[in-house]
Amino acid sequence: MRIAELSELARRAARDAIAGEFRGDSLSTLYYVWANLYGAAEQAWDDDRLVVQIGGAEEDAMEVARGHGIFVVDGSRCRLTLLEDRAGRRGLGMDTNPPLIDALHRAMLLWKKENRSELVGYLTECGFLEDGPFWKLAQALFEVLPRRP
């Protein structure tokens, strides 16, 4: 076995140990893993780059943070973005096949605006009404992240 294969095997084993049975896209898995490890607490960025490598397919942790908007980075500290951090993000969850976390945040924003018909239409159109990983992510985040009115 080559080092690259061994490294990938170790990454998957670590991800599976933290994420359990959750199987989603790499961005949503990263969000799920981070939320389960740290919740919304601020962490030292250098210490947590490994979590990015465990939870996602991206090699460059800073690229993940900036490109997808799932971390708030403040110098050498970072934390997971919450719904209010992502609320103003244009096109959130509107891709053809959106990451589960983007779809979940879009659904939560529609719920918060009490736009039930658009919410049902969105979930139906994306195929998330009966999607197990979507609801597993929602339940897991409900349990570990802070709730605000």
N, C-alpha and C. Protein backbone atom coordinates (compact mmCIF):
# COMPACT_ATOMS: atom_id res chain seq x y z
N MET A 1 0.85 -1.18 0.00
CA MET A 1 0.00 0.00 0.00
C MET A 1 0.90 1.24 0.00
N ARG A 2 0.55 2.19 -0.84
CA ARG A 2 1.32 3.44 -0.91
C ARG A 2 0.87 4.41 0.18
N ILE A 3 1.71 5.40 0.44
CA ILE A 3 1.43 6.39 1.48
C ILE A 3 0.14 7.16 1.18
N ALA A 4 -0.06 7.52 -0.07
CA ALA A 4 -1.28 8.25 -0.43
C ALA A 4 -2.53 7.42 -0.13
N GLU A 5 -2.47 6.13 -0.41
CA GLU A 5 -3.62 5.25 -0.13
C GLU A 5 -3.83 5.09 1.37
N LEU A 6 -2.74 4.96 2.10
CA LEU A 6 -2.82 4.84 3.55
C LEU A 6 -3.38 6.12 4.17
N SER A 7 -2.94 7.26 3.65
CA SER A 7 -3.42 8.55 4.13
C SER A 7 -4.93 8.70 3.89
N GLU A 8 -5.38 8.30 2.70
CA GLU A 8 -6.81 8.37 2.38
C GLU A 8 -7.61 7.43 3.27
N LEU A 9 -7.09 6.24 3.53
CA LEU A 9 -7.76 5.28 4.40
C LEU A 9 -7.88 5.84 5.82
N ALA A 10 -6.82 6.48 6.31
CA ALA A 10 -6.85 7.08 7.65
C ALA A 10 -7.85 8.23 7.70
N ARG A 11 -7.88 9.05 6.63
CA ARG A 11 -8.82 10.17 6.58
C ARG A 11 -10.26 9.68 6.63
N ARG A 12 -10.55 8.64 5.84
CA ARG A 12 -11.92 8.09 5.83
C ARG A 12 -12.28 7.47 7.18
N ALA A 13 -11.34 6.77 7.80
CA ALA A 13 -11.60 6.15 9.10
C ALA A 13 -11.89 7.21 10.16
N ALA A 14 -11.13 8.30 10.14
CA ALA A 14 -11.36 9.38 11.09
C ALA A 14 -12.72 10.03 10.84
N ARG A 15 -13.04 10.28 9.57
CA ARG A 15 -14.34 10.87 9.22
C ARG A 15 -15.47 9.97 9.69
N ASP A 16 -15.36 8.69 9.41
CA ASP A 16 -16.42 7.75 9.78
C ASP A 16 -16.58 7.64 11.29
N ALA A 17 -15.46 7.74 12.03
CA ALA A 17 -15.53 7.66 13.49
C ALA A 17 -16.30 8.85 14.06
N ILE A 18 -16.17 10.01 13.43
CA ILE A 18 -16.85 11.21 13.91
C ILE A 18 -18.25 11.33 13.32
N ALA A 19 -18.37 11.09 12.03
CA ALA A 19 -19.65 11.30 11.34
C ALA A 19 -20.60 10.12 11.46
N GLY A 20 -20.12 8.99 11.91
CA GLY A 20 -20.99 7.83 12.04
C GLY A 20 -21.57 7.43 10.69
N GLU A 21 -22.86 7.27 10.65
CA GLU A 21 -23.53 6.82 9.43
C GLU A 21 -23.87 7.95 8.45
N PHE A 22 -23.62 9.19 8.84
CA PHE A 22 -23.94 10.30 7.95
C PHE A 22 -23.11 10.23 6.68
N ARG A 23 -23.79 10.28 5.55
CA ARG A 23 -23.12 10.30 4.25
C ARG A 23 -23.72 11.41 3.42
N GLY A 24 -22.95 12.43 3.22
CA GLY A 24 -23.37 13.55 2.41
C GLY A 24 -22.21 13.99 1.54
N ASP A 25 -22.39 15.07 0.83
CA ASP A 25 -21.31 15.62 0.04
C ASP A 25 -20.17 16.06 0.97
N SER A 26 -19.00 16.31 0.41
CA SER A 26 -17.83 16.59 1.25
C SER A 26 -17.99 17.88 2.05
N LEU A 27 -18.61 18.91 1.49
CA LEU A 27 -18.79 20.16 2.21
C LEU A 27 -19.72 19.98 3.41
N SER A 28 -20.81 19.27 3.21
CA SER A 28 -21.76 19.04 4.30
C SER A 28 -21.18 18.10 5.34
N THR A 29 -20.39 17.13 4.91
CA THR A 29 -19.72 16.24 5.86
C THR A 29 -18.74 17.03 6.71
N LEU A 30 -18.00 17.93 6.09
CA LEU A 30 -17.09 18.78 6.84
C LEU A 30 -17.86 19.59 7.87
N TYR A 31 -18.96 20.21 7.49
CA TYR A 31 -19.77 21.01 8.41
C TYR A 31 -20.27 20.13 9.56
N TYR A 32 -20.75 18.95 9.22
CA TYR A 32 -21.28 17.99 10.21
C TYR A 32 -20.19 17.58 11.20
N VAL A 33 -19.02 17.22 10.68
CA VAL A 33 -17.90 16.79 11.53
C VAL A 33 -17.49 17.92 12.46
N TRP A 34 -17.31 19.11 11.90
CA TRP A 34 -16.89 20.26 12.70
C TRP A 34 -17.92 20.58 13.79
N ALA A 35 -19.19 20.59 13.42
CA ALA A 35 -20.24 20.90 14.40
C ALA A 35 -20.25 19.88 15.53
N ASN A 36 -20.03 18.62 15.20
CA ASN A 36 -20.01 17.59 16.24
C ASN A 36 -18.79 17.69 17.14
N LEU A 37 -17.67 18.12 16.60
CA LEU A 37 -16.47 18.26 17.41
C LEU A 37 -16.47 19.53 18.25
N TYR A 38 -16.86 20.68 17.65
CA TYR A 38 -16.68 21.97 18.28
C TYR A 38 -17.95 22.79 18.46
N GLY A 39 -19.04 22.40 17.84
CA GLY A 39 -20.22 23.24 17.87
C GLY A 39 -19.92 24.57 17.21
N ALA A 40 -20.30 25.67 17.82
CA ALA A 40 -20.04 27.00 17.27
C ALA A 40 -18.90 27.69 17.99
N ALA A 41 -18.16 26.95 18.81
CA ALA A 41 -17.05 27.54 19.56
C ALA A 41 -15.90 27.93 18.63
N GLU A 42 -15.25 29.01 18.98
CA GLU A 42 -14.10 29.48 18.20
C GLU A 42 -12.90 28.58 18.49
N GLN A 43 -12.13 28.30 17.45
CA GLN A 43 -10.97 27.42 17.56
C GLN A 43 -9.75 28.08 16.93
N ALA A 44 -8.57 27.58 17.29
CA ALA A 44 -7.34 28.02 16.64
C ALA A 44 -7.31 27.43 15.23
N TRP A 45 -7.14 28.29 14.23
CA TRP A 45 -7.19 27.83 12.85
C TRP A 45 -6.14 26.77 12.56
N ASP A 46 -4.92 26.96 12.99
CA ASP A 46 -3.86 25.99 12.68
C ASP A 46 -4.16 24.61 13.24
N ASP A 47 -4.74 24.55 14.43
CA ASP A 47 -5.05 23.26 15.04
C ASP A 47 -6.17 22.53 14.31
N ASP A 48 -7.03 23.28 13.65
CA ASP A 48 -8.22 22.67 13.07
C ASP A 48 -8.17 22.42 11.57
N ARG A 49 -7.06 22.76 10.95
CA ARG A 49 -6.93 22.45 9.52
C ARG A 49 -7.07 20.95 9.27
N LEU A 50 -6.66 20.15 10.24
CA LEU A 50 -6.78 18.69 10.10
C LEU A 50 -8.23 18.26 10.00
N VAL A 51 -9.11 18.93 10.71
CA VAL A 51 -10.53 18.58 10.63
C VAL A 51 -11.04 18.82 9.22
N VAL A 52 -10.57 19.88 8.60
CA VAL A 52 -10.98 20.17 7.22
C VAL A 52 -10.54 19.02 6.32
N GLN A 53 -9.34 18.52 6.53
CA GLN A 53 -8.85 17.41 5.72
C GLN A 53 -9.60 16.12 6.02
N ILE A 54 -10.04 15.95 7.26
CA ILE A 54 -10.82 14.77 7.61
C ILE A 54 -12.22 14.85 7.01
N GLY A 55 -12.85 16.01 7.14
CA GLY A 55 -14.24 16.14 6.76
C GLY A 55 -14.50 16.44 5.31
N GLY A 56 -13.53 16.99 4.61
CA GLY A 56 -13.78 17.39 3.23
C GLY A 56 -12.71 16.90 2.28
N ALA A 57 -13.00 17.05 1.02
CA ALA A 57 -12.08 16.59 -0.02
C ALA A 57 -11.04 17.64 -0.38
N GLU A 58 -11.24 18.87 0.05
CA GLU A 58 -10.33 19.95 -0.30
C GLU A 58 -9.01 19.80 0.44
N GLU A 59 -7.93 20.10 -0.24
CA GLU A 59 -6.62 20.06 0.38
C GLU A 59 -6.30 21.36 1.11
N ASP A 60 -6.72 22.49 0.54
CA ASP A 60 -6.39 23.79 1.10
C ASP A 60 -7.53 24.26 2.01
N ALA A 61 -7.32 24.19 3.30
CA ALA A 61 -8.35 24.52 4.27
C ALA A 61 -8.83 25.96 4.12
N MET A 62 -7.93 26.89 3.85
CA MET A 62 -8.33 28.27 3.71
C MET A 62 -9.22 28.46 2.49
N GLU A 63 -8.97 27.70 1.43
CA GLU A 63 -9.82 27.75 0.24
C GLU A 63 -11.25 27.32 0.58
N VAL A 64 -11.36 26.28 1.39
CA VAL A 64 -12.68 25.83 1.83
C VAL A 64 -13.37 26.93 2.62
N ALA A 65 -12.63 27.53 3.54
CA ALA A 65 -13.20 28.56 4.40
C ALA A 65 -13.70 29.76 3.60
N ARG A 66 -12.88 30.21 2.69
CA ARG A 66 -13.25 31.41 1.93
C ARG A 66 -14.21 31.11 0.78
N GLY A 67 -13.96 30.04 0.08
CA GLY A 67 -14.75 29.75 -1.12
C GLY A 67 -16.18 29.33 -0.85
N HIS A 68 -16.40 28.64 0.23
CA HIS A 68 -17.74 28.12 0.50
C HIS A 68 -18.46 28.85 1.64
N GLY A 69 -17.74 29.66 2.35
CA GLY A 69 -18.37 30.45 3.40
C GLY A 69 -18.91 29.64 4.55
N ILE A 70 -18.22 28.57 4.93
CA ILE A 70 -18.71 27.79 6.06
C ILE A 70 -17.92 28.05 7.34
N PHE A 71 -16.89 28.88 7.23
CA PHE A 71 -16.15 29.29 8.42
C PHE A 71 -16.07 30.81 8.48
N VAL A 72 -16.10 31.32 9.68
CA VAL A 72 -15.77 32.72 9.93
C VAL A 72 -14.34 32.69 10.43
N VAL A 73 -13.43 33.28 9.66
CA VAL A 73 -12.02 33.28 10.01
C VAL A 73 -11.64 34.67 10.47
N ASP A 74 -11.06 34.73 11.66
CA ASP A 74 -10.62 36.00 12.24
C ASP A 74 -9.16 35.82 12.66
N GLY A 75 -8.26 36.16 11.75
CA GLY A 75 -6.84 35.99 12.04
C GLY A 75 -6.49 34.53 12.22
N SER A 76 -6.03 34.17 13.39
CA SER A 76 -5.64 32.79 13.65
C SER A 76 -6.75 31.99 14.32
N ARG A 77 -7.94 32.56 14.42
CA ARG A 77 -9.09 31.89 15.03
C ARG A 77 -10.18 31.70 14.00
N CYS A 78 -11.01 30.69 14.18
CA CYS A 78 -12.13 30.47 13.28
C CYS A 78 -13.25 29.78 14.03
N ARG A 79 -14.43 29.85 13.43
CA ARG A 79 -15.59 29.14 13.95
C ARG A 79 -16.48 28.80 12.77
N LEU A 80 -17.37 27.86 13.00
CA LEU A 80 -18.34 27.45 11.99
C LEU A 80 -19.33 28.58 11.76
N THR A 81 -19.72 28.81 10.50
CA THR A 81 -20.74 29.80 10.24
C THR A 81 -22.09 29.25 10.67
N LEU A 82 -22.90 30.09 11.21
CA LEU A 82 -24.26 29.72 11.59
C LEU A 82 -25.21 30.33 10.57
N LEU A 83 -26.47 30.06 10.72
CA LEU A 83 -27.47 30.53 9.77
C LEU A 83 -27.38 32.03 9.55
N GLU A 84 -27.29 32.80 10.63
CA GLU A 84 -27.26 34.26 10.47
C GLU A 84 -26.01 34.73 9.72
N ASP A 85 -24.93 33.98 9.80
CA ASP A 85 -23.71 34.33 9.05
C ASP A 85 -23.90 34.12 7.55
N ARG A 86 -24.71 33.15 7.19
CA ARG A 86 -24.86 32.79 5.78
C ARG A 86 -26.13 33.38 5.15
N ALA A 87 -26.94 34.06 5.94
CA ALA A 87 -28.24 34.56 5.47
C ALA A 87 -28.12 35.47 4.25
N GLY A 88 -27.09 36.27 4.18
CA GLY A 88 -26.95 37.21 3.07
C GLY A 88 -26.21 36.65 1.87
N ARG A 89 -25.84 35.41 1.93
CA ARG A 89 -25.07 34.79 0.84
C ARG A 89 -25.96 34.60 -0.39
N ARG A 90 -25.60 35.24 -1.48
CA ARG A 90 -26.41 35.18 -2.70
C ARG A 90 -26.42 33.78 -3.30
N GLY A 91 -27.58 33.34 -3.71
CA GLY A 91 -27.72 32.06 -4.38
C GLY A 91 -27.55 30.85 -3.47
N LEU A 92 -27.61 31.05 -2.18
CA LEU A 92 -27.42 29.95 -1.23
C LEU A 92 -28.42 28.83 -1.50
N GLY A 93 -27.92 27.65 -1.78
CA GLY A 93 -28.77 26.48 -2.02
C GLY A 93 -29.48 26.48 -3.35
N MET A 94 -29.09 27.36 -4.27
CA MET A 94 -29.79 27.46 -5.54
C MET A 94 -29.06 26.76 -6.69
N ASP A 95 -27.94 26.11 -6.40
CA ASP A 95 -27.24 25.34 -7.43
C ASP A 95 -28.14 24.21 -7.92
N THR A 96 -27.78 23.63 -9.04
CA THR A 96 -28.54 22.49 -9.57
C THR A 96 -28.56 21.34 -8.57
N ASN A 97 -27.43 21.05 -7.98
CA ASN A 97 -27.31 19.98 -6.99
C ASN A 97 -26.59 20.58 -5.78
N PRO A 98 -27.30 21.34 -4.94
CA PRO A 98 -26.62 22.08 -3.87
C PRO A 98 -26.07 21.15 -2.78
N PRO A 99 -24.96 21.56 -2.14
CA PRO A 99 -24.51 20.83 -0.97
C PRO A 99 -25.64 20.80 0.06
N LEU A 100 -25.74 19.74 0.82
CA LEU A 100 -26.83 19.62 1.80
C LEU A 100 -26.85 20.78 2.78
N ILE A 101 -25.67 21.25 3.21
CA ILE A 101 -25.65 22.34 4.18
C ILE A 101 -26.21 23.62 3.57
N ASP A 102 -25.94 23.87 2.31
CA ASP A 102 -26.51 25.05 1.64
C ASP A 102 -28.02 24.92 1.52
N ALA A 103 -28.48 23.74 1.15
CA ALA A 103 -29.93 23.51 1.03
C ALA A 103 -30.61 23.63 2.39
N LEU A 104 -29.97 23.09 3.42
CA LEU A 104 -30.54 23.18 4.76
C LEU A 104 -30.62 24.62 5.22
N HIS A 105 -29.56 25.38 5.01
CA HIS A 105 -29.59 26.79 5.41
C HIS A 105 -30.64 27.57 4.62
N ARG A 106 -30.79 27.28 3.34
CA ARG A 106 -31.83 27.95 2.55
C ARG A 106 -33.21 27.59 3.10
N ALA A 107 -33.43 26.32 3.39
CA ALA A 107 -34.71 25.88 3.94
C ALA A 107 -34.98 26.55 5.29
N MET A 108 -33.96 26.66 6.11
CA MET A 108 -34.12 27.31 7.41
C MET A 108 -34.47 28.79 7.27
N LEU A 109 -33.87 29.45 6.29
CA LEU A 109 -34.19 30.86 6.04
C LEU A 109 -35.64 31.03 5.57
N LEU A 110 -36.08 30.12 4.71
CA LEU A 110 -37.48 30.17 4.25
C LEU A 110 -38.43 29.91 5.42
N TRP A 111 -38.08 28.99 6.29
CA TRP A 111 -38.89 28.69 7.47
C TRP A 111 -38.95 29.92 8.38
N LYS A 112 -37.79 30.54 8.59
CA LYS A 112 -37.71 31.70 9.47
C LYS A 112 -38.54 32.86 8.92
N LYS A 113 -38.62 33.00 7.60
CA LYS A 113 -39.43 34.05 6.97
C LYS A 113 -40.90 33.65 6.89
N GLU A 114 -41.22 32.45 7.39
CA GLU A 114 -42.57 31.91 7.37
C GLU A 114 -43.12 31.78 5.95
N ASN A 115 -42.24 31.49 5.03
CA ASN A 115 -42.63 31.30 3.63
C ASN A 115 -42.78 29.80 3.37
N ARG A 116 -43.84 29.24 3.94
CA ARG A 116 -44.04 27.79 3.92
C ARG A 116 -44.21 27.22 2.51
N SER A 117 -44.95 27.91 1.66
CA SER A 117 -45.18 27.36 0.31
C SER A 117 -43.89 27.33 -0.49
N GLU A 118 -43.06 28.37 -0.39
CA GLU A 118 -41.77 28.35 -1.09
C GLU A 118 -40.85 27.29 -0.50
N LEU A 119 -40.93 27.09 0.81
CA LEU A 119 -40.12 26.06 1.47
C LEU A 119 -40.48 24.68 0.95
N VAL A 120 -41.75 24.35 0.92
CA VAL A 120 -42.19 23.05 0.43
C VAL A 120 -41.82 22.88 -1.04
N GLY A 121 -42.02 23.93 -1.83
CA GLY A 121 -41.65 23.89 -3.24
C GLY A 121 -40.16 23.65 -3.42
N TYR A 122 -39.35 24.33 -2.63
CA TYR A 122 -37.89 24.17 -2.71
C TYR A 122 -37.47 22.75 -2.35
N LEU A 123 -37.98 22.25 -1.23
CA LEU A 123 -37.62 20.89 -0.79
C LEU A 123 -38.09 19.84 -1.79
N THR A 124 -39.25 20.05 -2.38
CA THR A 124 -39.78 19.13 -3.38
C THR A 124 -38.91 19.16 -4.64
N GLU A 125 -38.63 20.36 -5.12
CA GLU A 125 -37.84 20.53 -6.34
C GLU A 125 -36.45 19.91 -6.21
N CYS A 126 -35.83 20.06 -5.05
CA CYS A 126 -34.48 19.51 -4.83
C CYS A 126 -34.49 18.04 -4.42
N GLY A 127 -35.68 17.51 -4.15
CA GLY A 127 -35.77 16.11 -3.76
C GLY A 127 -35.40 15.84 -2.31
N PHE A 128 -35.55 16.86 -1.45
CA PHE A 128 -35.14 16.70 -0.05
C PHE A 128 -36.28 16.34 0.90
N LEU A 129 -37.51 16.29 0.42
CA LEU A 129 -38.62 15.96 1.33
C LEU A 129 -38.43 14.57 1.95
N GLU A 130 -37.91 13.64 1.19
CA GLU A 130 -37.73 12.27 1.68
C GLU A 130 -36.25 11.88 1.74
N ASP A 131 -35.34 12.85 1.72
CA ASP A 131 -33.91 12.58 1.66
C ASP A 131 -33.34 12.35 3.06
N GLY A 132 -32.91 11.12 3.35
CA GLY A 132 -32.38 10.77 4.66
C GLY A 132 -31.19 11.61 5.11
N PRO A 133 -30.14 11.76 4.29
CA PRO A 133 -28.99 12.56 4.72
C PRO A 133 -29.35 14.02 5.03
N PHE A 134 -30.26 14.60 4.27
CA PHE A 134 -30.68 15.98 4.52
C PHE A 134 -31.27 16.11 5.92
N TRP A 135 -32.18 15.21 6.27
CA TRP A 135 -32.84 15.28 7.57
C TRP A 135 -31.92 14.85 8.70
N LYS A 136 -31.00 13.94 8.43
CA LYS A 136 -30.02 13.54 9.44
C LYS A 136 -29.12 14.73 9.77
N LEU A 137 -28.70 15.47 8.75
CA LEU A 137 -27.89 16.66 8.98
C LEU A 137 -28.68 17.68 9.79
N ALA A 138 -29.93 17.90 9.43
CA ALA A 138 -30.77 18.86 10.17
C ALA A 138 -30.90 18.45 11.63
N GLN A 139 -31.17 17.19 11.89
CA GLN A 139 -31.33 16.71 13.27
C GLN A 139 -30.03 16.83 14.05
N ALA A 140 -28.93 16.43 13.45
CA ALA A 140 -27.64 16.48 14.14
C ALA A 140 -27.26 17.92 14.50
N LEU A 141 -27.46 18.84 13.57
CA LEU A 141 -27.11 20.24 13.84
C LEU A 141 -28.04 20.85 14.87
N PHE A 142 -29.30 20.43 14.86
CA PHE A 142 -30.25 20.90 15.87
C PHE A 142 -29.77 20.51 17.27
N GLU A 143 -29.17 19.34 17.37
CA GLU A 143 -28.72 18.84 18.67
C GLU A 143 -27.43 19.49 19.16
N VAL A 144 -26.55 19.91 18.26
CA VAL A 144 -25.24 20.39 18.71
C VAL A 144 -25.01 21.89 18.57
N LEU A 145 -25.77 22.58 17.76
CA LEU A 145 -25.53 24.00 17.56
C LEU A 145 -26.50 24.83 18.38
N PRO A 146 -26.07 26.04 18.78
CA PRO A 146 -26.96 26.90 19.56
C PRO A 146 -28.14 27.38 18.74
N ARG A 147 -29.27 27.56 19.40
CA ARG A 147 -30.47 28.06 18.75
C ARG A 147 -30.73 29.47 19.25
N ARG A 148 -31.08 30.31 18.31
CA ARG A 148 -31.41 31.70 18.65
C ARG A 148 -32.82 31.97 18.15
N PRO A 149 -33.55 32.82 18.88
CA PRO A 149 -34.92 33.13 18.45
C PRO A 149 -34.97 33.85 17.12
